[in-house]
C-alpha atoms as a PDB file:
ATOM      1  CA  MET A   1     -72.674  13.444 -23.889  1.00  0.00           C
ATOM      2  CA  ALA A   2     -72.545  12.819 -20.110  1.00  0.00           C
ATOM      3  CA  LEU A   3     -73.857   9.636 -18.635  1.00  0.00           C
ATOM      4  CA  LEU A   4     -76.602  11.296 -16.650  1.00  0.00           C
ATOM      5  CA  ASP A   5     -77.875  12.721 -20.027  1.00  0.00           C
ATOM      6  CA  TYR A   6     -78.786   9.272 -21.370  1.00  0.00           C
ATOM      7  CA  HIS A   7     -82.263   7.927 -21.092  1.00  0.00           C
ATOM      8  CA  LEU A   8     -82.411   4.838 -19.015  1.00  0.00           C
ATOM      9  CA  HIS A   9     -83.677   2.829 -21.808  1.00  0.00           C
ATOM     10  CA  ASP A  10     -80.654   3.951 -23.959  1.00  0.00           C
ATOM     11  CA  LEU A  11     -78.215   2.943 -21.186  1.00  0.00           C
ATOM     12  CA  LEU A  12     -79.553  -0.363 -20.443  1.00  0.00           C
ATOM     13  CA  SER A  13     -81.614  -1.719 -23.393  1.00  0.00           C
ATOM     14  CA  PRO A  14     -78.588  -3.801 -24.815  1.00  0.00           C
ATOM     15  CA  TRP A  15     -78.430  -5.655 -21.486  1.00  0.00           C
ATOM     16  CA  HIS A  16     -82.017  -6.232 -20.836  1.00  0.00           C
ATOM     17  CA  GLY A  17     -82.544  -9.721 -19.536  1.00  0.00           C
ATOM     18  CA  LEU A  18     -78.992 -10.192 -18.481  1.00  0.00           C
ATOM     19  CA  GLY A  19     -77.757 -10.570 -14.940  1.00  0.00           C
ATOM     20  CA  PRO A  20     -80.110 -11.593 -11.929  1.00  0.00           C
ATOM     21  CA  SER A  21     -83.564 -12.674 -12.917  1.00  0.00           C
ATOM     22  CA  PRO A  22     -86.408 -10.720 -11.276  1.00  0.00           C
ATOM     23  CA  PRO A  23     -86.998 -13.543  -8.681  1.00  0.00           C
ATOM     24  CA  GLN A  24     -83.110 -13.579  -7.956  1.00  0.00           C
ATOM     25  CA  ARG A  25     -83.204  -9.704  -7.515  1.00  0.00           C
ATOM     26  CA  LEU A  26     -86.107  -9.986  -5.025  1.00  0.00           C
ATOM     27  CA  VAL A  27     -84.228 -12.691  -3.086  1.00  0.00           C
ATOM     28  CA  LYS A  28     -80.994 -10.499  -3.035  1.00  0.00           C
ATOM     29  CA  ARG A  29     -83.038  -7.394  -1.953  1.00  0.00           C
ATOM     30  CA  LEU A  30     -84.789  -9.206   0.901  1.00  0.00           C
ATOM     31  CA  PHE A  31     -81.390 -10.646   2.070  1.00  0.00           C
ATOM     32  CA  ASP A  32     -80.004  -7.057   2.000  1.00  0.00           C
ATOM     33  CA  ILE A  33     -82.815  -5.580   4.185  1.00  0.00           C
ATOM     34  CA  ALA A  34     -82.674  -8.514   6.630  1.00  0.00           C
ATOM     35  CA  LEU A  35     -78.786  -8.265   6.983  1.00  0.00           C
ATOM     36  CA  ALA A  36     -78.715  -4.379   7.081  1.00  0.00           C
ATOM     37  CA  LEU A  37     -81.431  -4.369   9.979  1.00  0.00           C
ATOM     38  CA  ALA A  38     -79.532  -7.163  11.715  1.00  0.00           C
ATOM     39  CA  LEU A  39     -76.394  -5.229  11.689  1.00  0.00           C
ATOM     40  CA  LEU A  40     -77.632  -1.804  12.380  1.00  0.00           C
ATOM     41  CA  VAL A  41     -79.092  -2.895  15.912  1.00  0.00           C
ATOM     42  CA  PRO A  42     -75.547  -3.430  17.312  1.00  0.00           C
ATOM     43  CA  LEU A  43     -73.593  -1.076  15.024  1.00  0.00           C
ATOM     44  CA  LEU A  44     -75.576   2.090  15.390  1.00  0.00           C
ATOM     45  CA  PRO A  45     -73.856   3.217  18.509  1.00  0.00           C
ATOM     46  CA  VAL A  46     -70.574   2.410  16.884  1.00  0.00           C
ATOM     47  CA  ILE A  47     -71.456   4.482  13.772  1.00  0.00           C
ATOM     48  CA  LEU A  48     -72.591   7.686  16.055  1.00  0.00           C
ATOM     49  CA  LEU A  49     -69.624   7.511  18.345  1.00  0.00           C
ATOM     50  CA  THR A  50     -67.183   7.192  15.073  1.00  0.00           C
ATOM     51  CA  ALA A  51     -68.919   9.992  13.546  1.00  0.00           C
ATOM     52  CA  LEU A  52     -68.500  12.157  16.585  1.00  0.00           C
ATOM     53  CA  ALA A  53     -64.803  11.376  16.794  1.00  0.00           C
ATOM     54  CA  ALA A  54     -64.303  12.285  13.040  1.00  0.00           C
ATOM     55  CA  ARG A  55     -66.183  15.487  13.631  1.00  0.00           C
ATOM     56  CA  LEU A  56     -63.625  16.387  16.363  1.00  0.00           C
ATOM     57  CA  ASP A  57     -60.696  15.013  14.416  1.00  0.00           C
ATOM     58  CA  THR A  58     -61.578  16.924  11.133  1.00  0.00           C
ATOM     59  CA  GLY A  59     -63.329  19.979  12.483  1.00  0.00           C
ATOM     60  CA  ALA A  60     -66.087  19.236   9.903  1.00  0.00           C
ATOM     61  CA  SER A  61     -69.272  17.062   9.821  1.00  0.00           C
ATOM     62  CA  GLY A  62     -68.566  13.535  10.953  1.00  0.00           C
ATOM     63  CA  PHE A  63     -70.519  12.259   8.100  1.00  0.00           C
ATOM     64  CA  PHE A  64     -69.451  12.666   4.429  1.00  0.00           C
ATOM     65  CA  LEU A  65     -71.745  12.531   1.718  1.00  0.00           C
ATOM     66  CA  GLN A  66     -70.677  12.266  -1.804  1.00  0.00           C
ATOM     67  CA  GLN A  67     -72.636  12.017  -5.075  1.00  0.00           C
ATOM     68  CA  ARG A  68     -72.081   8.667  -6.936  1.00  0.00           C
ATOM     69  CA  ILE A  69     -73.897   6.910  -9.889  1.00  0.00           C
ATOM     70  CA  GLY A  70     -76.268   3.940  -9.038  1.00  0.00           C
ATOM     71  CA  ARG A  71     -78.444   1.583 -10.696  1.00  0.00           C
ATOM     72  CA  GLY A  72     -79.844   2.793 -13.918  1.00  0.00           C
ATOM     73  CA  GLY A  73     -77.289   5.748 -13.951  1.00  0.00           C
ATOM     74  CA  GLN A  74     -79.270   7.539 -11.326  1.00  0.00           C
ATOM     75  CA  PRO A  75     -77.177   9.796  -8.923  1.00  0.00           C
ATOM     76  CA  PHE A  76     -77.461   9.159  -5.176  1.00  0.00           C
ATOM     77  CA  ARG A  77     -75.321  10.163  -2.177  1.00  0.00           C
ATOM     78  CA  VAL A  78     -73.281   7.721  -0.581  1.00  0.00           C
ATOM     79  CA  ALA A  79     -72.618   7.998   3.094  1.00  0.00           C
ATOM     80  CA  LYS A  80     -69.288   7.516   4.841  1.00  0.00           C
ATOM     81  CA  ILE A  81     -67.510   8.484   7.974  1.00  0.00           C
ATOM     82  CA  ARG A  82     -65.283  11.503   7.302  1.00  0.00           C
ATOM     83  CA  THR A  83     -61.683  10.520   7.146  1.00  0.00           C
ATOM     84  CA  MET A  84     -60.092  13.485   5.254  1.00  0.00           C
ATOM     85  CA  ARG A  85     -59.843  17.073   5.987  1.00  0.00           C
ATOM     86  CA  PRO A  86     -62.343  19.142   3.942  1.00  0.00           C
ATOM     87  CA  VAL A  87     -59.865  20.683   1.494  1.00  0.00           C
ATOM     88  CA  PRO A  88     -59.859  20.482  -2.182  1.00  0.00           C
ATOM     89  CA  GLY A  89     -58.186  17.896  -4.161  1.00  0.00           C
ATOM     90  CA  THR A  90     -58.308  14.997  -6.505  1.00  0.00           C
ATOM     91  CA  THR A  91     -60.781  12.031  -6.122  1.00  0.00           C
ATOM     92  CA  VAL A  92     -58.126   9.708  -6.222  1.00  0.00           C
ATOM     93  CA  THR A  93     -56.355   8.823  -2.811  1.00  0.00           C
ATOM     94  CA  THR A  94     -53.145   7.275  -1.981  1.00  0.00           C
ATOM     95  CA  LEU A  95     -51.379   6.033   1.078  1.00  0.00           C
ATOM     96  CA  GLY A  96     -49.966   8.850   2.911  1.00  0.00           C
ATOM     97  CA  ASP A  97     -52.239  11.462   1.370  1.00  0.00           C
ATOM     98  CA  PRO A  98     -51.972  14.444   3.636  1.00  0.00           C
ATOM     99  CA  ARG A  99     -55.724  15.047   3.756  1.00  0.00           C
ATOM    100  CA  ILE A 100     -56.255  11.886   5.546  1.00  0.00           C
ATOM    101  CA  THR A 101     -56.082  12.378   9.269  1.00  0.00           C
ATOM    102  CA  ARG A 102     -54.441   9.794  11.738  1.00  0.00           C
ATOM    103  CA  LEU A 103     -57.904   8.703  12.777  1.00  0.00           C
ATOM    104  CA  GLY A 104     -59.102   8.554   9.159  1.00  0.00           C
ATOM    105  CA  GLY A 105     -56.387   6.339   8.260  1.00  0.00           C
ATOM    106  CA  TRP A 106     -57.304   3.874  10.940  1.00  0.00           C
ATOM    107  CA  LEU A 107     -60.946   4.076   9.844  1.00  0.00           C
ATOM    108  CA  ARG A 108     -60.083   3.494   6.118  1.00  0.00           C
ATOM    109  CA  ARG A 109     -57.934   0.312   7.032  1.00  0.00           C
ATOM    110  CA  SER A 110     -60.440  -1.105   9.301  1.00  0.00           C
ATOM    111  CA  LYS A 111     -63.294  -0.197   6.804  1.00  0.00           C
ATOM    112  CA  LEU A 112     -65.520   1.350   9.606  1.00  0.00           C
ATOM    113  CA  ASP A 113     -65.851   4.372   7.528  1.00  0.00           C
ATOM    114  CA  GLU A 114     -68.118   2.376   5.246  1.00  0.00           C
ATOM    115  CA  LEU A 115     -70.596   1.412   8.048  1.00  0.00           C
ATOM    116  CA  PRO A 116     -73.033   4.419   7.132  1.00  0.00           C
ATOM    117  CA  GLN A 117     -73.670   2.714   3.818  1.00  0.00           C
ATOM    118  CA  LEU A 118     -75.990   0.418   5.917  1.00  0.00           C
ATOM    119  CA  PHE A 119     -78.454   3.244   5.491  1.00  0.00           C
ATOM    120  CA  ASN A 120     -77.884   3.371   1.722  1.00  0.00           C
ATOM    121  CA  VAL A 121     -78.640  -0.310   1.516  1.00  0.00           C
ATOM    122  CA  LEU A 122     -81.895   0.050   3.593  1.00  0.00           C
ATOM    123  CA  ALA A 123     -82.871   2.702   1.230  1.00  0.00           C
ATOM    124  CA  GLY A 124     -82.583   0.482  -1.735  1.00  0.00           C
ATOM    125  CA  GLN A 125     -79.753   2.709  -3.225  1.00  0.00           C
ATOM    126  CA  MET A 126     -77.168   0.051  -2.662  1.00  0.00           C
ATOM    127  CA  SER A 127     -76.630  -3.773  -2.076  1.00  0.00           C
ATOM    128  CA  PHE A 128     -74.163  -5.503   0.094  1.00  0.00           C
ATOM    129  CA  VAL A 129     -72.530  -7.145  -2.738  1.00  0.00           C
ATOM    130  CA  GLY A 130     -72.006  -5.386  -6.192  1.00  0.00           C
ATOM    131  CA  PRO A 131     -69.962  -3.043  -8.300  1.00  0.00           C
ATOM    132  CA  ARG A 132     -68.790  -0.141  -6.312  1.00  0.00           C
ATOM    133  CA  PRO A 133     -70.669   3.105  -7.146  1.00  0.00           C
ATOM    134  CA  ASP A 134     -68.410   5.413  -9.177  1.00  0.00           C
ATOM    135  CA  VAL A 135     -68.197   9.197  -9.074  1.00  0.00           C
ATOM    136  CA  PRO A 136     -69.846  10.896 -12.248  1.00  0.00           C
ATOM    137  CA  GLY A 137     -66.717  11.304 -14.016  1.00  0.00           C
ATOM    138  CA  PHE A 138     -65.566   7.666 -13.927  1.00  0.00           C
ATOM    139  CA  ALA A 139     -69.279   6.565 -14.538  1.00  0.00           C
ATOM    140  CA  ASP A 140     -69.297   8.815 -17.715  1.00  0.00           C
ATOM    141  CA  ALA A 141     -66.319   6.693 -19.139  1.00  0.00           C
ATOM    142  CA  LEU A 142     -67.940   3.389 -19.079  1.00  0.00           C
ATOM    143  CA  GLY A 143     -68.003   2.006 -22.648  1.00  0.00           C
ATOM    144  CA  GLU A 144     -70.931   0.184 -24.256  1.00  0.00           C
ATOM    145  CA  GLU A 145     -70.089  -3.204 -22.751  1.00  0.00           C
ATOM    146  CA  GLY A 146     -69.344  -1.756 -19.239  1.00  0.00           C
ATOM    147  CA  ARG A 147     -72.907  -0.136 -18.823  1.00  0.00           C
ATOM    148  CA  VAL A 148     -74.320  -3.530 -17.954  1.00  0.00           C
ATOM    149  CA  ILE A 149     -72.937  -2.932 -14.297  1.00  0.00           C
ATOM    150  CA  LEU A 150     -75.431  -0.112 -13.959  1.00  0.00           C
ATOM    151  CA  SER A 151     -78.243  -2.672 -14.204  1.00  0.00           C
ATOM    152  CA  VAL A 152     -77.848  -3.751 -10.662  1.00  0.00           C
ATOM    153  CA  ARG A 153     -77.486  -1.925  -7.300  1.00  0.00           C
ATOM    154  CA  PRO A 154     -73.915  -0.760  -6.449  1.00  0.00           C
ATOM    155  CA  GLY A 155     -72.559  -2.638  -3.600  1.00  0.00           C
ATOM    156  CA  ILE A 156     -70.410  -2.281  -0.353  1.00  0.00           C
ATOM    157  CA  THR A 157     -68.094  -5.015  -1.410  1.00  0.00           C
ATOM    158  CA  GLY A 158     -67.644  -7.236  -4.553  1.00  0.00           C
ATOM    159  CA  PRO A 159     -64.926  -8.921  -6.524  1.00  0.00           C
ATOM    160  CA  ALA A 160     -63.343  -5.675  -7.597  1.00  0.00           C
ATOM    161  CA  THR A 161     -63.494  -4.201  -4.111  1.00  0.00           C
ATOM    162  CA  LEU A 162     -61.630  -7.352  -2.749  1.00  0.00           C
ATOM    163  CA  LYS A 163     -58.964  -7.262  -5.557  1.00  0.00           C
ATOM    164  CA  TYR A 164     -58.210  -3.708  -4.815  1.00  0.00           C
ATOM    165  CA  ARG A 165     -58.711  -3.626  -1.015  1.00  0.00           C
ATOM    166  CA  ASP A 166     -55.186  -2.075  -0.827  1.00  0.00           C
ATOM    167  CA  GLU A 167     -55.754   0.394  -3.813  1.00  0.00           C
ATOM    168  CA  GLU A 168     -54.152   3.372  -1.885  1.00  0.00           C
ATOM    169  CA  SER A 169     -50.860   1.336  -1.251  1.00  0.00           C
ATOM    170  CA  LEU A 170     -50.918   0.251  -4.926  1.00  0.00           C
ATOM    171  CA  LEU A 171     -51.469   3.754  -6.261  1.00  0.00           C
ATOM    172  CA  ALA A 172     -48.959   5.267  -3.833  1.00  0.00           C
ATOM    173  CA  GLY A 173     -46.129   3.057  -5.545  1.00  0.00           C
ATOM    174  CA  VAL A 174     -46.807   4.337  -9.115  1.00  0.00           C
ATOM    175  CA  GLU A 175     -45.362   7.752 -10.737  1.00  0.00           C
ATOM    176  CA  ASP A 176     -48.883   8.964 -11.770  1.00  0.00           C
ATOM    177  CA  PRO A 177     -51.545   7.562  -9.619  1.00  0.00           C
ATOM    178  CA  GLU A 178     -54.443   9.315 -11.499  1.00  0.00           C
ATOM    179  CA  ARG A 179     -53.332   8.114 -14.881  1.00  0.00           C
ATOM    180  CA  PHE A 180     -52.560   4.525 -13.410  1.00  0.00           C
ATOM    181  CA  ASN A 181     -55.954   4.478 -11.959  1.00  0.00           C
ATOM    182  CA  ARG A 182     -57.747   5.692 -15.207  1.00  0.00           C
ATOM    183  CA  GLU A 183     -55.801   3.456 -17.479  1.00  0.00           C
ATOM    184  CA  VAL A 184     -55.255   0.111 -15.557  1.00  0.00           C
ATOM    185  CA  VAL A 185     -57.304   0.066 -12.235  1.00  0.00           C
ATOM    186  CA  PHE A 186     -60.655   1.373 -13.662  1.00  0.00           C
ATOM    187  CA  PRO A 187     -60.755  -0.908 -16.594  1.00  0.00           C
ATOM    188  CA  ASP A 188     -59.910  -3.949 -14.619  1.00  0.00           C
ATOM    189  CA  LYS A 189     -62.589  -3.116 -12.069  1.00  0.00           C
ATOM    190  CA  VAL A 190     -65.051  -2.785 -15.068  1.00  0.00           C
ATOM    191  CA  ARG A 191     -64.079  -6.086 -16.324  1.00  0.00           C
ATOM    192  CA  LEU A 192     -64.566  -7.771 -12.780  1.00  0.00           C
ATOM    193  CA  ASN A 193     -67.920  -6.051 -12.176  1.00  0.00           C
ATOM    194  CA  ARG A 194     -69.220  -6.966 -15.652  1.00  0.00           C
ATOM    195  CA  ASP A 195     -68.240 -10.482 -14.990  1.00  0.00           C
ATOM    196  CA  TYR A 196     -69.988 -10.391 -11.555  1.00  0.00           C
ATOM    197  CA  VAL A 197     -73.327  -9.145 -13.009  1.00  0.00           C
ATOM    198  CA  LEU A 198     -73.312 -11.426 -16.125  1.00  0.00           C
ATOM    199  CA  HIS A 199     -72.441 -14.468 -13.890  1.00  0.00           C
ATOM    200  CA  TRP A 200     -74.454 -13.521 -10.691  1.00  0.00           C
ATOM    201  CA  SER A 201     -75.354 -16.060  -8.039  1.00  0.00           C
ATOM    202  CA  PHE A 202     -76.526 -15.911  -4.372  1.00  0.00           C
ATOM    203  CA  THR A 203     -73.606 -18.369  -3.378  1.00  0.00           C
ATOM    204  CA  ARG A 204     -71.128 -16.005  -4.899  1.00  0.00           C
ATOM    205  CA  ASP A 205     -72.510 -13.060  -3.056  1.00  0.00           C
ATOM    206  CA  LEU A 206     -72.125 -15.258   0.213  1.00  0.00           C
ATOM    207  CA  VAL A 207     -68.617 -15.844  -0.624  1.00  0.00           C
ATOM    208  CA  TYR A 208     -67.666 -12.284  -1.151  1.00  0.00           C
ATOM    209  CA  LEU A 209     -69.224 -11.279   2.114  1.00  0.00           C
ATOM    210  CA  TRP A 210     -67.178 -13.946   3.831  1.00  0.00           C
ATOM    211  CA  ARG A 211     -64.064 -12.828   2.211  1.00  0.00           C
ATOM    212  CA  THR A 212     -64.917  -9.219   3.278  1.00  0.00           C
ATOM    213  CA  ALA A 213     -65.554 -10.062   6.819  1.00  0.00           C
ATOM    214  CA  PHE A 214     -62.693 -12.658   6.991  1.00  0.00           C
ATOM    215  CA  PRO A 215     -59.822 -11.656   4.544  1.00  0.00           C
ATOM    216  CA  ARG A 216     -57.161 -14.086   3.983  1.00  0.00           C
ATOM    217  CA  PRO A 217     -53.598 -12.850   4.773  1.00  0.00           C
ATOM    218  CA  GLY A 218     -51.976 -11.151   2.084  1.00  0.00           C
ATOM    219  CA  SER A 219     -55.291 -11.148   0.091  1.00  0.00           C
ATOM    220  CA  GLY A 220     -55.919  -8.147  -2.337  1.00  0.00           C
ATOM    221  CA  ALA A 221     -54.371  -8.174  -5.527  1.00  0.00           C
ATOM    222  CA  GLU A 222     -54.744 -11.835  -6.073  1.00  0.00           C
ATOM    223  CA  GLU A 223     -58.537 -11.709  -5.537  1.00  0.00           C
ATOM    224  CA  ARG A 224     -60.646 -12.836  -8.511  1.00  0.00           C
END
């Protein structure tokens, strides 16, 4: 049975009461709104100009919307700046993927392609810190224990995002990227995200935001 066929109660009832408490969730949400508004004021022109450049570069819409699975197993469309040519292909991307344009590669390395997700944060679909939202196929593969990550809003950054900040380079170095992602990377991300939810604290969120904004030299695979 696909994840989206589950009733919300069936998905989350074993994990009811785990993770952030209602007051903690309120603090987290208010922080998200305040920070998103503060960042959008100076960054909106950057987002629009970058989207225009991406449109000229790819020959398609400068914004890319993709269905992801959010809190409670509910689908939503995550927003990004388009970095790839609109041609069919796998959802797994590696360093040197021919679909990624030259400008797109720079946008992905600088993470500027993620800026439109500030609108997802304002809309209440995402948080600044949390598990990255998966596409339906991967979300369907969550086991019973892994579904606790669906009890919180997905995030722009988080422990798994930091550990695998150079995921495309990692996958480019293995023989079968899709299999390695499915059997090694994805389970490890679930483990990290589950630990994040079960041991959430506002201080940890601030640490993850700091490490995202100011990455340590050589950081990536050693992040926890």
